[in-house]
C-alpha atoms as a PDB file:
ATOM      1  CA  MET A   1      18.023   2.752-184.075  1.00  0.00           C
ATOM      2  CA  SER A   2      14.281   2.304-183.824  1.00  0.00           C
ATOM      3  CA  GLN A   3      11.853   4.954-183.032  1.00  0.00           C
ATOM      4  CA  LYS A   4       8.509   4.290-181.204  1.00  0.00           C
ATOM      5  CA  VAL A   5       5.314   5.950-182.457  1.00  0.00           C
ATOM      6  CA  GLN A   6       2.083   5.776-180.732  1.00  0.00           C
ATOM      7  CA  LEU A   7      -1.178   5.633-182.856  1.00  0.00           C
ATOM      8  CA  THR A   8      -4.677   4.711-182.375  1.00  0.00           C
ATOM      9  CA  LEU A   9      -5.601   1.218-183.708  1.00  0.00           C
ATOM     10  CA  ALA A  10      -7.977   3.087-186.130  1.00  0.00           C
ATOM     11  CA  GLN A  11      -5.037   5.197-187.689  1.00  0.00           C
ATOM     12  CA  MET A  12      -2.623   2.285-188.122  1.00  0.00           C
ATOM     13  CA  ARG A  13      -2.019   0.740-191.718  1.00  0.00           C
ATOM     14  CA  ALA A  14      -2.904  -2.743-192.446  1.00  0.00           C
ATOM     15  CA  GLY A  15      -0.119  -4.976-191.608  1.00  0.00           C
ATOM     16  CA  GLN A  16       1.335  -2.652-188.913  1.00  0.00           C
ATOM     17  CA  SER A  17       1.930  -4.393-185.275  1.00  0.00           C
ATOM     18  CA  GLY A  18       2.554  -3.043-182.045  1.00  0.00           C
ATOM     19  CA  THR A  19       1.975  -3.172-178.429  1.00  0.00           C
ATOM     20  CA  ILE A  20      -1.190  -1.844-176.634  1.00  0.00           C
ATOM     21  CA  VAL A  21      -0.175   1.198-174.364  1.00  0.00           C
ATOM     22  CA  ALA A  22      -3.589   2.355-173.226  1.00  0.00           C
ATOM     23  CA  ILE A  23      -7.275   1.758-173.608  1.00  0.00           C
ATOM     24  CA  PHE A  24      -9.263   5.065-173.135  1.00  0.00           C
ATOM     25  CA  GLY A  25     -12.597   3.738-172.287  1.00  0.00           C
ATOM     26  CA  GLY A  26     -14.714   2.888-169.225  1.00  0.00           C
ATOM     27  CA  ARG A  27     -14.870  -0.525-167.437  1.00  0.00           C
ATOM     28  CA  GLY A  28     -17.505  -2.052-169.795  1.00  0.00           C
ATOM     29  CA  LEU A  29     -15.268  -1.289-172.904  1.00  0.00           C
ATOM     30  CA  THR A  30     -12.218  -2.821-171.133  1.00  0.00           C
ATOM     31  CA  ARG A  31     -14.066  -5.874-170.051  1.00  0.00           C
ATOM     32  CA  ARG A  32     -15.427  -6.219-173.508  1.00  0.00           C
ATOM     33  CA  LEU A  33     -12.073  -6.021-175.267  1.00  0.00           C
ATOM     34  CA  GLU A  34     -10.367  -8.301-172.483  1.00  0.00           C
ATOM     35  CA  ALA A  35     -12.937 -11.002-173.231  1.00  0.00           C
ATOM     36  CA  VAL A  36     -11.341 -11.331-176.826  1.00  0.00           C
ATOM     37  CA  GLY A  37      -7.802 -10.981-175.814  1.00  0.00           C
ATOM     38  CA  ILE A  38      -7.181  -7.110-176.304  1.00  0.00           C
ATOM     39  CA  ARG A  39      -5.572  -5.700-173.165  1.00  0.00           C
ATOM     40  CA  VAL A  40      -2.799  -3.385-172.287  1.00  0.00           C
ATOM     41  CA  GLY A  41       0.648  -4.794-172.894  1.00  0.00           C
ATOM     42  CA  GLY A  42      -0.807  -7.150-175.469  1.00  0.00           C
ATOM     43  CA  LYS A  43       0.686  -7.381-178.900  1.00  0.00           C
ATOM     44  CA  VAL A  44      -1.861  -6.595-182.114  1.00  0.00           C
ATOM     45  CA  THR A  45      -1.525  -6.628-185.711  1.00  0.00           C
ATOM     46  CA  LYS A  46      -3.873  -4.664-187.847  1.00  0.00           C
ATOM     47  CA  ILE A  47      -5.190  -6.936-190.695  1.00  0.00           C
ATOM     48  CA  SER A  48      -7.687  -4.455-192.433  1.00  0.00           C
ATOM     49  CA  SER A  49     -10.210  -1.772-192.096  1.00  0.00           C
ATOM     50  CA  THR A  50     -13.085  -0.451-194.352  1.00  0.00           C
ATOM     51  CA  LEU A  51     -13.373   2.915-195.576  1.00  0.00           C
ATOM     52  CA  PHE A  52     -15.511   5.667-193.945  1.00  0.00           C
ATOM     53  CA  ARG A  53     -15.328   4.410-190.295  1.00  0.00           C
ATOM     54  CA  GLY A  54     -16.223   0.712-190.903  1.00  0.00           C
ATOM     55  CA  PRO A  55     -15.020  -2.229-188.721  1.00  0.00           C
ATOM     56  CA  VAL A  56     -11.325  -2.927-188.151  1.00  0.00           C
ATOM     57  CA  THR A  57     -10.054  -6.392-188.321  1.00  0.00           C
ATOM     58  CA  LEU A  58      -7.006  -7.284-185.966  1.00  0.00           C
ATOM     59  CA  ARG A  59      -4.995 -10.184-184.631  1.00  0.00           C
ATOM     60  CA  ALA A  60      -4.474 -10.498-181.065  1.00  0.00           C
ATOM     61  CA  ASN A  61      -3.234 -13.712-179.266  1.00  0.00           C
ATOM     62  CA  HIS A  62      -3.566 -15.813-182.370  1.00  0.00           C
ATOM     63  CA  THR A  63      -7.313 -14.927-182.872  1.00  0.00           C
ATOM     64  CA  GLN A  64      -8.729 -12.660-185.501  1.00  0.00           C
ATOM     65  CA  VAL A  65     -11.183 -10.205-184.272  1.00  0.00           C
ATOM     66  CA  ALA A  66     -13.307  -7.291-185.889  1.00  0.00           C
ATOM     67  CA  ILE A  67     -14.245  -4.405-183.730  1.00  0.00           C
ATOM     68  CA  GLY A  68     -15.973  -1.030-184.444  1.00  0.00           C
ATOM     69  CA  TYR A  69     -14.221   2.005-185.583  1.00  0.00           C
ATOM     70  CA  GLY A  70     -15.170   3.774-182.258  1.00  0.00           C
ATOM     71  CA  MET A  71     -13.577   1.101-180.266  1.00  0.00           C
ATOM     72  CA  ALA A  72     -10.386   1.145-182.301  1.00  0.00           C
ATOM     73  CA  ASN A  73     -10.230   4.744-181.930  1.00  0.00           C
ATOM     74  CA  LYS A  74     -10.017   4.411-178.220  1.00  0.00           C
ATOM     75  CA  ILE A  75      -6.997   1.792-178.366  1.00  0.00           C
ATOM     76  CA  LEU A  76      -3.499   3.545-178.266  1.00  0.00           C
ATOM     77  CA  VAL A  77      -0.902   1.269-179.869  1.00  0.00           C
ATOM     78  CA  GLU A  78       2.906   1.965-179.753  1.00  0.00           C
ATOM     79  CA  VAL A  79       4.184   1.053-183.209  1.00  0.00           C
ATOM     80  CA  ASP A  80       7.779   0.124-184.082  1.00  0.00           C
ATOM     81  CA  THR A  81       8.677   2.027-187.114  1.00  0.00           C
ATOM     82  CA  SER A  82      12.112   0.382-187.880  1.00  0.00           C
ATOM     83  CA  SER A  83      12.234  -1.652-190.932  1.00  0.00           C
END
């Protein structure tokens, strides 16, 4: 049985994958993220992040993207915890 957990992209560990559930931001943020392939319903994998609120690197639609910590904190992801 798998359990679904929701975390922000900033809270996820490197290597975790999930489906984007919501983006908590205005129209400008949503458009900026959609331009690089990050949208609600899309699959993402967190690749890495730096210490102390640095950029977060992720993979979405076979593209590797780095976004700021503030943006990553506004993206809610449903992570599958079954292993």
